[in-house]
PDB file of N, CA and C in Angstrom:
ATOM      1  N   UNK A   1      99.611 122.910  89.647  1.00  0.00           N
ATOM      2  CA  UNK A   1      99.773 121.869  88.647  1.00  0.00           C
ATOM      3  C   UNK A   1      99.002 122.297  87.396  1.00  0.00           C
ATOM      4  N   UNK A   2      99.663 122.235  86.263  1.00  0.00           N
ATOM      5  CA  UNK A   2      99.006 122.627  85.020  1.00  0.00           C
ATOM      6  C   UNK A   2      98.029 121.547  84.577  1.00  0.00           C
ATOM      7  N   UNK A   3      97.151 121.926  83.670  1.00  0.00           N
ATOM      8  CA  UNK A   3      96.164 120.976  83.149  1.00  0.00           C
ATOM      9  C   UNK A   3      96.874 119.802  82.474  1.00  0.00           C
ATOM     10  N   UNK A   4      97.937 120.111  81.721  1.00  0.00           N
ATOM     11  CA  UNK A   4      98.699 119.067  81.033  1.00  0.00           C
ATOM     12  C   UNK A   4      99.365 118.137  82.043  1.00  0.00           C
ATOM     13  N   UNK A   5      99.951 118.721  83.082  1.00  0.00           N
ATOM     14  CA  UNK A   5     100.612 117.938  84.115  1.00  0.00           C
ATOM     15  C   UNK A   5      99.611 117.046  84.848  1.00  0.00           C
ATOM     16  N   UNK A   6      98.441 117.595  85.144  1.00  0.00           N
ATOM     17  CA  UNK A   6      97.409 116.817  85.831  1.00  0.00           C
ATOM     18  C   UNK A   6      96.965 115.635  84.976  1.00  0.00           C
ATOM     19  N   UNK A   7      96.837 115.864  83.670  1.00  0.00           N
ATOM     20  CA  UNK A   7      96.457 114.764  82.766  1.00  0.00           C
ATOM     21  C   UNK A   7      97.516 113.671  82.770  1.00  0.00           C
ATOM     22  N   UNK A   8      98.790 114.077  82.785  1.00  0.00           N
ATOM     23  CA  UNK A   8      99.879 113.093  82.805  1.00  0.00           C
ATOM     24  C   UNK A   8      99.817 112.264  84.086  1.00  0.00           C
ATOM     25  N   UNK A   9      99.621 112.916  85.234  1.00  0.00           N
ATOM     26  CA  UNK A   9      99.524 112.191  86.500  1.00  0.00           C
ATOM     27  C   UNK A   9      98.352 111.220  86.478  1.00  0.00           C
ATOM     28  N   UNK A  10      97.218 111.667  85.959  1.00  0.00           N
ATOM     29  CA  UNK A  10      96.036 110.801  85.896  1.00  0.00           C
ATOM     30  C   UNK A  10      96.284 109.617  84.971  1.00  0.00           C
ATOM     31  N   UNK A  11      96.906 109.881  83.820  1.00  0.00           N
ATOM     32  CA  UNK A  11      97.194 108.817  82.851  1.00  0.00           C
ATOM     33  C   UNK A  11      98.100 107.762  83.479  1.00  0.00           C
ATOM     34  N   UNK A  12      99.193 108.204  84.101  1.00  0.00           N
ATOM     35  CA  UNK A  12     100.140 107.245  84.660  1.00  0.00           C
ATOM     36  C   UNK A  12      99.594 106.556  85.905  1.00  0.00           C
ATOM     37  N   UNK A  13      98.783 107.236  86.686  1.00  0.00           N
ATOM     38  CA  UNK A  13      98.149 106.593  87.840  1.00  0.00           C
ATOM     39  C   UNK A  13      97.261 105.454  87.349  1.00  0.00           C
ATOM     40  N   UNK A  14      96.520 105.718  86.259  1.00  0.00           N
ATOM     41  CA  UNK A  14      95.649 104.693  85.673  1.00  0.00           C
ATOM     42  C   UNK A  14      96.478 103.528  85.145  1.00  0.00           C
ATOM     43  N   UNK A  15      97.564 103.817  84.423  1.00  0.00           N
ATOM     44  CA  UNK A  15      98.396 102.760  83.849  1.00  0.00           C
ATOM     45  C   UNK A  15      99.064 101.912  84.930  1.00  0.00           C
ATOM     46  N   UNK A  16      99.592 102.559  85.967  1.00  0.00           N
ATOM     47  CA  UNK A  16     100.237 101.807  87.052  1.00  0.00           C
ATOM     48  C   UNK A  16      99.206 100.932  87.762  1.00  0.00           C
ATOM     49  N   UNK A  17      98.002 101.452  87.948  1.00  0.00           N
ATOM     50  CA  UNK A  17      96.931 100.668  88.570  1.00  0.00           C
ATOM     51  C   UNK A  17      96.537  99.481  87.699  1.00  0.00           C
ATOM     52  N   UNK A  18      96.402  99.729  86.402  1.00  0.00           N
ATOM     53  CA  UNK A  18      96.055  98.643  85.471  1.00  0.00           C
ATOM     54  C   UNK A  18      97.105  97.546  85.518  1.00  0.00           C
ATOM     55  N   UNK A  19      98.371  97.932  85.527  1.00  0.00           N
ATOM     56  CA  UNK A  19      99.446  96.941  85.563  1.00  0.00           C
ATOM     57  C   UNK A  19      99.370  96.136  86.855  1.00  0.00           C
ATOM     58  N   UNK A  20      99.128  96.795  87.980  1.00  0.00           N
ATOM     59  CA  UNK A  20      99.042  96.100  89.270  1.00  0.00           C
ATOM     60  C   UNK A  20      97.890  95.099  89.277  1.00  0.00           C
ATOM     61  N   UNK A  21      96.754  95.483  88.702  1.00  0.00           N
ATOM     62  CA  UNK A  21      95.587  94.595  88.658  1.00  0.00           C
ATOM     63  C   UNK A  21      95.752  93.472  87.640  1.00  0.00           C
ATOM     64  N   UNK A  22      96.525  93.718  86.587  1.00  0.00           N
ATOM     65  CA  UNK A  22      96.613  92.767  85.477  1.00  0.00           C
ATOM     66  C   UNK A  22      97.326  91.473  85.835  1.00  0.00           C
ATOM     67  N   UNK A  23      98.231  91.534  86.797  1.00  0.00           N
ATOM     68  CA  UNK A  23      99.019  90.353  87.117  1.00  0.00           C
ATOM     69  C   UNK A  23     100.171  90.145  86.150  1.00  0.00           C
ATOM     70  N   UNK A  24     100.283  90.998  85.139  1.00  0.00           N
ATOM     71  CA  UNK A  24     101.375  90.902  84.174  1.00  0.00           C
ATOM     72  C   UNK A  24     102.644  91.500  84.760  1.00  0.00           C
ATOM     73  N   UNK A  25     103.767  91.047  84.228  1.00  0.00           N
ATOM     74  CA  UNK A  25     105.023  91.700  84.589  1.00  0.00           C
ATOM     75  C   UNK A  25     105.018  93.086  83.964  1.00  0.00           C
ATOM     76  N   UNK A  26     105.849  93.973  84.497  1.00  0.00           N
ATOM     77  CA  UNK A  26     105.946  95.322  83.935  1.00  0.00           C
ATOM     78  C   UNK A  26     106.414  95.233  82.485  1.00  0.00           C
ATOM     79  N   UNK A  27     107.347  94.334  82.225  1.00  0.00           N
ATOM     80  CA  UNK A  27     107.871  94.175  80.865  1.00  0.00           C
ATOM     81  C   UNK A  27     106.747  93.818  79.890  1.00  0.00           C
ATOM     82  N   UNK A  28     105.932  92.825  80.245  1.00  0.00           N
ATOM     83  CA  UNK A  28     104.838  92.390  79.366  1.00  0.00           C
ATOM     84  C   UNK A  28     103.784  93.487  79.218  1.00  0.00           C
ATOM     85  N   UNK A  29     103.449  94.145  80.318  1.00  0.00           N
ATOM     86  CA  UNK A  29     102.443  95.209  80.278  1.00  0.00           C
ATOM     87  C   UNK A  29     102.908  96.353  79.380  1.00  0.00           C
ATOM     88  N   UNK A  30     104.152  96.767  79.542  1.00  0.00           N
ATOM     89  CA  UNK A  30     104.678  97.873  78.732  1.00  0.00           C
ATOM     90  C   UNK A  30     104.729  97.492  77.256  1.00  0.00           C
ATOM     91  N   UNK A  31     105.120  96.269  76.975  1.00  0.00           N
ATOM     92  CA  UNK A  31     105.170  95.818  75.583  1.00  0.00           C
ATOM     93  C   UNK A  31     103.769  95.850  74.976  1.00  0.00           C
ATOM     94  N   UNK A  32     102.792  95.340  75.720  1.00  0.00           N
ATOM     95  CA  UNK A  32     101.408  95.279  75.235  1.00  0.00           C
ATOM     96  C   UNK A  32     100.811  96.674  75.009  1.00  0.00           C
ATOM     97  N   UNK A  33     101.201  97.647  75.838  1.00  0.00           N
ATOM     98  CA  UNK A  33     100.638  98.995  75.757  1.00  0.00           C
ATOM     99  C   UNK A  33     101.551  99.993  75.038  1.00  0.00           C
ATOM    100  N   UNK A  34     102.669  99.508  74.503  1.00  0.00           N
ATOM    101  CA  UNK A  34     103.579 100.386  73.770  1.00  0.00           C
ATOM    102  C   UNK A  34     104.240 101.440  74.644  1.00  0.00           C
ATOM    103  N   UNK A  35     104.560 101.065  75.887  1.00  0.00           N
ATOM    104  CA  UNK A  35     105.166 102.003  76.831  1.00  0.00           C
ATOM    105  C   UNK A  35     106.656 101.730  76.990  1.00  0.00           C
ATOM    106  N   UNK A  36     107.396 102.764  77.286  1.00  0.00           N
ATOM    107  CA  UNK A  36     108.824 102.647  77.579  1.00  0.00           C
ATOM    108  C   UNK A  36     108.960 102.162  79.027  1.00  0.00           C
ATOM    109  N   UNK A  37     109.572 100.990  79.212  1.00  0.00           N
ATOM    110  CA  UNK A  37     109.648 100.392  80.544  1.00  0.00           C
ATOM    111  C   UNK A  37     110.373 101.280  81.565  1.00  0.00           C
ATOM    112  N   UNK A  38     111.548 101.862  81.232  1.00  0.00           N
ATOM    113  CA  UNK A  38     112.190 102.747  82.217  1.00  0.00           C
ATOM    114  C   UNK A  38     111.306 103.942  82.598  1.00  0.00           C
ATOM    115  N   UNK A  39     110.584 104.485  81.625  1.00  0.00           N
ATOM    116  CA  UNK A  39     109.695 105.610  81.893  1.00  0.00           C
ATOM    117  C   UNK A  39     108.549 105.173  82.806  1.00  0.00           C
ATOM    118  N   UNK A  40     108.058 103.933  82.616  1.00  0.00           N
ATOM    119  CA  UNK A  40     107.013 103.381  83.481  1.00  0.00           C
ATOM    120  C   UNK A  40     107.497 103.356  84.932  1.00  0.00           C
ATOM    121  N   UNK A  41     108.746 102.887  85.140  1.00  0.00           N
ATOM    122  CA  UNK A  41     109.286 102.812  86.493  1.00  0.00           C
ATOM    123  C   UNK A  41     109.472 104.196  87.110  1.00  0.00           C
ATOM    124  N   UNK A  42     109.851 105.179  86.290  1.00  0.00           N
ATOM    125  CA  UNK A  42     109.981 106.556  86.789  1.00  0.00           C
ATOM    126  C   UNK A  42     108.640 107.036  87.324  1.00  0.00           C
ATOM    127  N   UNK A  43     107.578 106.822  86.561  1.00  0.00           N
ATOM    128  CA  UNK A  43     106.247 107.265  86.986  1.00  0.00           C
ATOM    129  C   UNK A  43     105.738 106.452  88.171  1.00  0.00           C
ATOM    130  N   UNK A  44     106.023 105.165  88.180  1.00  0.00           N
ATOM    131  CA  UNK A  44     105.586 104.332  89.304  1.00  0.00           C
ATOM    132  C   UNK A  44     106.217 104.840  90.599  1.00  0.00           C
ATOM    133  N   UNK A  45     107.499 105.184  90.531  1.00  0.00           N
ATOM    134  CA  UNK A  45     108.192 105.706  91.711  1.00  0.00           C
ATOM    135  C   UNK A  45     107.604 107.055  92.121  1.00  0.00           C
ATOM    136  N   UNK A  46     107.340 107.937  91.162  1.00  0.00           N
ATOM    137  CA  UNK A  46     106.735 109.244  91.466  1.00  0.00           C
ATOM    138  C   UNK A  46     105.398 109.066  92.177  1.00  0.00           C
ATOM    139  N   UNK A  47     104.591 108.152  91.657  1.00  0.00           N
ATOM    140  CA  UNK A  47     103.271 107.923  92.246  1.00  0.00           C
ATOM    141  C   UNK A  47     103.378 107.351  93.656  1.00  0.00           C
ATOM    142  N   UNK A  48     104.327 106.435  93.866  1.00  0.00           N
ATOM    143  CA  UNK A  48     104.514 105.862  95.198  1.00  0.00           C
ATOM    144  C   UNK A  48     104.973 106.933  96.176  1.00  0.00           C
ATOM    145  N   UNK A  49     105.898 107.796  95.742  1.00  0.00           N
ATOM    146  CA  UNK A  49     106.373 108.877  96.609  1.00  0.00           C
ATOM    147  C   UNK A  49     105.239 109.839  96.923  1.00  0.00           C
ATOM    148  N   UNK A  50     104.434 110.141  95.933  1.00  0.00           N
ATOM    149  CA  UNK A  50     103.305 111.048  96.121  1.00  0.00           C
ATOM    150  C   UNK A  50     102.276 110.436  97.068  1.00  0.00           C
ATOM    151  N   UNK A  51     102.037 109.133  96.936  1.00  0.00           N
ATOM    152  CA  UNK A  51     101.084 108.441  97.800  1.00  0.00           C
ATOM    153  C   UNK A  51     101.603 108.381  99.228  1.00  0.00           C
ATOM    154  N   UNK A  52     102.903 108.095  99.384  1.00  0.00           N
ATOM    155  CA  UNK A  52     103.447 107.956 100.734  1.00  0.00           C
ATOM    156  C   UNK A  52     103.407 109.273 101.496  1.00  0.00           C
ATOM    157  N   UNK A  53     103.420 110.402 100.814  1.00  0.00           N
ATOM    158  CA  UNK A  53     103.371 111.698 101.482  1.00  0.00           C
ATOM    159  C   UNK A  53     101.989 111.991 102.052  1.00  0.00           C
ATOM    160  N   UNK A  54     100.991 111.243 101.667  1.00  0.00           N
ATOM    161  CA  UNK A  54      99.628 111.498 102.115  1.00  0.00           C
ATOM    162  C   UNK A  54      99.300 110.797 103.431  1.00  0.00           C
ATOM    163  N   UNK A  55     100.213 109.987 103.942  1.00  0.00           N
ATOM    164  CA  UNK A  55      99.946 109.285 105.178  1.00  0.00           C
ATOM    165  C   UNK A  55     100.176 110.202 106.369  1.00  0.00           C
ATOM    166  N   UNK A  56      99.375 110.034 107.364  1.00  0.00           N
ATOM    167  CA  UNK A  56      99.489 110.817 108.582  1.00  0.00           C
ATOM    168  C   UNK A  56      99.959 109.932 109.719  1.00  0.00           C
ATOM    169  N   UNK A  57     100.600 110.550 110.701  1.00  0.00           N
ATOM    170  CA  UNK A  57     101.024 109.814 111.875  1.00  0.00           C
ATOM    171  C   UNK A  57      99.786 109.354 112.637  1.00  0.00           C
ATOM    172  N   UNK A  58      99.836 108.131 113.127  1.00  0.00           N
ATOM    173  CA  UNK A  58      98.704 107.558 113.854  1.00  0.00           C
ATOM    174  C   UNK A  58      99.089 107.396 115.315  1.00  0.00           C
ATOM    175  N   UNK A  59      98.202 107.788 116.191  1.00  0.00           N
ATOM    176  CA  UNK A  59      98.421 107.585 117.619  1.00  0.00           C
ATOM    177  C   UNK A  59      97.322 106.669 118.136  1.00  0.00           C
ATOM    178  N   UNK A  60      97.718 105.682 118.907  1.00  0.00           N
ATOM    179  CA  UNK A  60      96.759 104.734 119.461  1.00  0.00           C
ATOM    180  C   UNK A  60      96.075 105.390 120.654  1.00  0.00           C
ATOM    181  N   UNK A  61      94.751 105.400 120.627  1.00  0.00           N
ATOM    182  CA  UNK A  61      93.981 106.063 121.683  1.00  0.00           C
ATOM    183  C   UNK A  61      93.991 105.260 122.976  1.00  0.00           C
ATOM    184  N   UNK A  62      94.040 103.983 122.875  1.00  0.00           N
ATOM    185  CA  UNK A  62      94.012 103.143 124.065  1.00  0.00           C
ATOM    186  C   UNK A  62      93.833 101.699 123.670  1.00  0.00           C
ATOM    187  N   UNK A  63      93.998 100.834 124.619  1.00  0.00           N
ATOM    188  CA  UNK A  63      93.851  99.412 124.338  1.00  0.00           C
ATOM    189  C   UNK A  63      92.509  98.941 124.880  1.00  0.00           C
ATOM    190  N   UNK A  64      91.675  98.481 123.998  1.00  0.00           N
ATOM    191  CA  UNK A  64      90.393  97.920 124.405  1.00  0.00           C
ATOM    192  C   UNK A  64      90.507  96.414 124.427  1.00  0.00           C
ATOM    193  N   UNK A  65      89.490  95.754 124.902  1.00  0.00           N
ATOM    194  CA  UNK A  65      89.518  94.289 124.886  1.00  0.00           C
ATOM    195  C   UNK A  65      89.541  93.785 123.450  1.00  0.00           C
ATOM    196  N   UNK A  66      90.356  92.790 123.225  1.00  0.00           N
ATOM    197  CA  UNK A  66      90.423  92.239 121.872  1.00  0.00           C
ATOM    198  C   UNK A  66      90.115  90.757 121.897  1.00  0.00           C
ATOM    199  N   UNK A  67      89.618  90.287 120.791  1.00  0.00           N
ATOM    200  CA  UNK A  67      89.324  88.874 120.629  1.00  0.00           C
ATOM    201  C   UNK A  67      90.253  88.335 119.564  1.00  0.00           C
ATOM    202  N   UNK A  68      90.447  87.008 119.494  1.00  0.00           N
ATOM    203  CA  UNK A  68      91.366  86.450 118.495  1.00  0.00           C
ATOM    204  C   UNK A  68      91.053  86.879 117.065  1.00  0.00           C
ATOM    205  N   UNK A  69      89.787  87.060 116.716  1.00  0.00           N
ATOM    206  CA  UNK A  69      89.423  87.447 115.358  1.00  0.00           C
ATOM    207  C   UNK A  69      89.406  88.951 115.147  1.00  0.00           C
ATOM    208  N   UNK A  70      89.796  89.705 116.163  1.00  0.00           N
ATOM    209  CA  UNK A  70      89.688  91.164 116.127  1.00  0.00           C
ATOM    210  C   UNK A  70      91.060  91.824 115.970  1.00  0.00           C
ATOM    211  N   UNK A  71      91.933  91.233 115.181  1.00  0.00           N
ATOM    212  CA  UNK A  71      93.290  91.770 115.095  1.00  0.00           C
ATOM    213  C   UNK A  71      93.592  92.430 113.754  1.00  0.00           C
ATOM    214  N   UNK A  72      92.586  92.691 112.939  1.00  0.00           N
ATOM    215  CA  UNK A  72      92.837  93.363 111.667  1.00  0.00           C
ATOM    216  C   UNK A  72      92.914  94.871 111.892  1.00  0.00           C
ATOM    217  N   UNK A  73      93.498  95.555 110.909  1.00  0.00           N
ATOM    218  CA  UNK A  73      93.653  97.007 110.954  1.00  0.00           C
ATOM    219  C   UNK A  73      92.807  97.602 109.841  1.00  0.00           C
ATOM    220  N   UNK A  74      92.083  98.653 110.161  1.00  0.00           N
ATOM    221  CA  UNK A  74      91.289  99.340 109.142  1.00  0.00           C
ATOM    222  C   UNK A  74      91.993 100.637 108.771  1.00  0.00           C
ATOM    223  N   UNK A  75      92.241 100.812 107.473  1.00  0.00           N
ATOM    224  CA  UNK A  75      92.844 102.038 106.962  1.00  0.00           C
ATOM    225  C   UNK A  75      91.718 102.845 106.337  1.00  0.00           C
ATOM    226  N   UNK A  76      91.430 103.994 106.911  1.00  0.00           N
ATOM    227  CA  UNK A  76      90.370 104.856 106.380  1.00  0.00           C
ATOM    228  C   UNK A  76      90.998 105.946 105.529  1.00  0.00           C
ATOM    229  N   UNK A  77      90.497 106.082 104.312  1.00  0.00           N
ATOM    230  CA  UNK A  77      91.027 107.061 103.374  1.00  0.00           C
ATOM    231  C   UNK A  77      90.169 108.315 103.381  1.00  0.00           C
ATOM    232  N   UNK A  78      90.741 109.403 102.903  1.00  0.00           N
ATOM    233  CA  UNK A  78      90.031 110.684 102.893  1.00  0.00           C
ATOM    234  C   UNK A  78      88.755 110.656 102.062  1.00  0.00           C
ATOM    235  N   UNK A  79      88.722 109.779 101.052  1.00  0.00           N
ATOM    236  CA  UNK A  79      87.553 109.731 100.172  1.00  0.00           C
ATOM    237  C   UNK A  79      86.403 108.920 100.774  1.00  0.00           C
ATOM    238  N   UNK A  80      86.555 108.472 102.020  1.00  0.00           N
ATOM    239  CA  UNK A  80      85.492 107.735 102.688  1.00  0.00           C
ATOM    240  C   UNK A  80      85.625 106.226 102.573  1.00  0.00           C
ATOM    241  N   UNK A  81      86.469 105.769 101.686  1.00  0.00           N
ATOM    242  CA  UNK A  81      86.679 104.324 101.543  1.00  0.00           C
ATOM    243  C   UNK A  81      87.592 103.832 102.655  1.00  0.00           C
ATOM    244  N   UNK A  82      87.538 102.528 102.904  1.00  0.00           N
ATOM    245  CA  UNK A  82      88.433 101.954 103.903  1.00  0.00           C
ATOM    246  C   UNK A  82      88.965 100.621 103.401  1.00  0.00           C
ATOM    247  N   UNK A  83      90.068 100.207 103.982  1.00  0.00           N
ATOM    248  CA  UNK A  83      90.745  98.981 103.596  1.00  0.00           C
ATOM    249  C   UNK A  83      91.056  98.217 104.875  1.00  0.00           C
ATOM    250  N   UNK A  84      90.605  96.962 104.973  1.00  0.00           N
ATOM    251  CA  UNK A  84      90.877  96.133 106.143  1.00  0.00           C
ATOM    252  C   UNK A  84      92.099  95.271 105.857  1.00  0.00           C
ATOM    253  N   UNK A  85      93.047  95.268 106.772  1.00  0.00           N
ATOM    254  CA  UNK A  85      94.293  94.526 106.602  1.00  0.00           C
ATOM    255  C   UNK A  85      94.463  93.591 107.792  1.00  0.00           C
ATOM    256  N   UNK A  86      94.709  92.335 107.510  1.00  0.00           N
ATOM    257  CA  UNK A  86      94.898  91.338 108.569  1.00  0.00           C
ATOM    258  C   UNK A  86      96.389  91.180 108.880  1.00  0.00           C
ATOM    259  N   UNK A  87      96.717  90.621 110.044  1.00  0.00           N
ATOM    260  CA  UNK A  87      98.124  90.405 110.397  1.00  0.00           C
ATOM    261  C   UNK A  87      98.831  89.566 109.335  1.00  0.00           C
ATOM    262  N   UNK A  88     100.088  89.876 109.101  1.00  0.00           N
ATOM    263  CA  UNK A  88     100.868  89.142 108.118  1.00  0.00           C
ATOM    264  C   UNK A  88     100.677  89.640 106.702  1.00  0.00           C
ATOM    265  N   UNK A  89     100.049  90.808 106.539  1.00  0.00           N
ATOM    266  CA  UNK A  89      99.809  91.346 105.200  1.00  0.00           C
ATOM    267  C   UNK A  89     101.124  91.672 104.503  1.00  0.00           C
ATOM    268  N   UNK A  90     101.068  91.684 103.181  1.00  0.00           N
ATOM    269  CA  UNK A  90     102.221  92.051 102.360  1.00  0.00           C
ATOM    270  C   UNK A  90     102.153  93.555 102.096  1.00  0.00           C
ATOM    271  N   UNK A  91     103.139  94.299 102.580  1.00  0.00           N
ATOM    272  CA  UNK A  91     103.132  95.763 102.456  1.00  0.00           C
ATOM    273  C   UNK A  91     103.081  96.207 100.996  1.00  0.00           C
ATOM    274  N   UNK A  92     103.760  95.495 100.107  1.00  0.00           N
ATOM    275  CA  UNK A  92     103.734  95.862  98.684  1.00  0.00           C
ATOM    276  C   UNK A  92     102.334  95.680  98.102  1.00  0.00           C
ATOM    277  N   UNK A  93     101.652  94.639  98.541  1.00  0.00           N
ATOM    278  CA  UNK A  93     100.279  94.409  98.078  1.00  0.00           C
ATOM    279  C   UNK A  93      99.374  95.554  98.536  1.00  0.00           C
ATOM    280  N   UNK A  94      99.521  95.962  99.784  1.00  0.00           N
ATOM    281  CA  UNK A  94      98.716  97.074 100.303  1.00  0.00           C
ATOM    282  C   UNK A  94      99.037  98.350  99.539  1.00  0.00           C
ATOM    283  N   UNK A  95     100.316  98.591  99.263  1.00  0.00           N
ATOM    284  CA  UNK A  95     100.709  99.782  98.505  1.00  0.00           C
ATOM    285  C   UNK A  95     100.049  99.771  97.123  1.00  0.00           C
ATOM    286  N   UNK A  96     100.044  98.612  96.460  1.00  0.00           N
ATOM    287  CA  UNK A  96      99.413  98.501  95.140  1.00  0.00           C
ATOM    288  C   UNK A  96      97.903  98.752  95.241  1.00  0.00           C
ATOM    289  N   UNK A  97      97.276  98.230  96.288  1.00  0.00           N
ATOM    290  CA  UNK A  97      95.844  98.470  96.487  1.00  0.00           C
ATOM    291  C   UNK A  97      95.553  99.954  96.692  1.00  0.00           C
ATOM    292  N   UNK A  98      96.409 100.627  97.440  1.00  0.00           N
ATOM    293  CA  UNK A  98      96.211 102.058  97.669  1.00  0.00           C
ATOM    294  C   UNK A  98      96.330 102.846  96.372  1.00  0.00           C
ATOM    295  N   UNK A  99      97.251 102.432  95.502  1.00  0.00           N
ATOM    296  CA  UNK A  99      97.383 103.098  94.199  1.00  0.00           C
ATOM    297  C   UNK A  99      96.099 102.917  93.397  1.00  0.00           C
ATOM    298  N   UNK A 100      95.549 101.700  93.427  1.00  0.00           N
ATOM    299  CA  UNK A 100      94.308 101.421  92.696  1.00  0.00           C
ATOM    300  C   UNK A 100      93.154 102.255  93.256  1.00  0.00           C
ATOM    301  N   UNK A 101      93.045 102.312  94.574  1.00  0.00           N
ATOM    302  CA  UNK A 101      91.965 103.080  95.196  1.00  0.00           C
ATOM    303  C   UNK A 101      92.110 104.564  94.877  1.00  0.00           C
ATOM    304  N   UNK A 102      93.343 105.072  94.917  1.00  0.00           N
ATOM    305  CA  UNK A 102      93.586 106.479  94.574  1.00  0.00           C
ATOM    306  C   UNK A 102      93.166 106.753  93.132  1.00  0.00           C
ATOM    307  N   UNK A 103      93.453 105.821  92.242  1.00  0.00           N
ATOM    308  CA  UNK A 103      93.142 106.015  90.819  1.00  0.00           C
ATOM    309  C   UNK A 103      91.634 105.980  90.567  1.00  0.00           C
ATOM    310  N   UNK A 104      90.897 105.339  91.446  1.00  0.00           N
ATOM    311  CA  UNK A 104      89.452 105.202  91.259  1.00  0.00           C
ATOM    312  C   UNK A 104      88.691 106.469  91.624  1.00  0.00           C
ATOM    313  N   UNK A 105      89.370 107.436  92.182  1.00  0.00           N
ATOM    314  CA  UNK A 105      88.688 108.675  92.608  1.00  0.00           C
ATOM    315  C   UNK A 105      88.206 109.484  91.455  1.00  0.00           C
TER     316      UNK A 105
END
């Protein structure tokens, strides 16, 4: 990856993360930041595809005793951070959180 390409990835990762945190629609965010909305979606898709390739297959080691409050899942990332997810989570919300965590590196 060239230095220019790396800067572009970092810039768009930051922008996609900012939009996810802002609560604004993509249309409003792009208008406010002077961005081309179709181009924003192209980069958002690239980042999601790039993020999804980093997941590894998980194998369950065994079933231990569980308690009613012990049903959350912990996602441990390579950077040492972790994310706790409870049953009924919204997959899109988790995906957006992962983009934000990736951008914080």
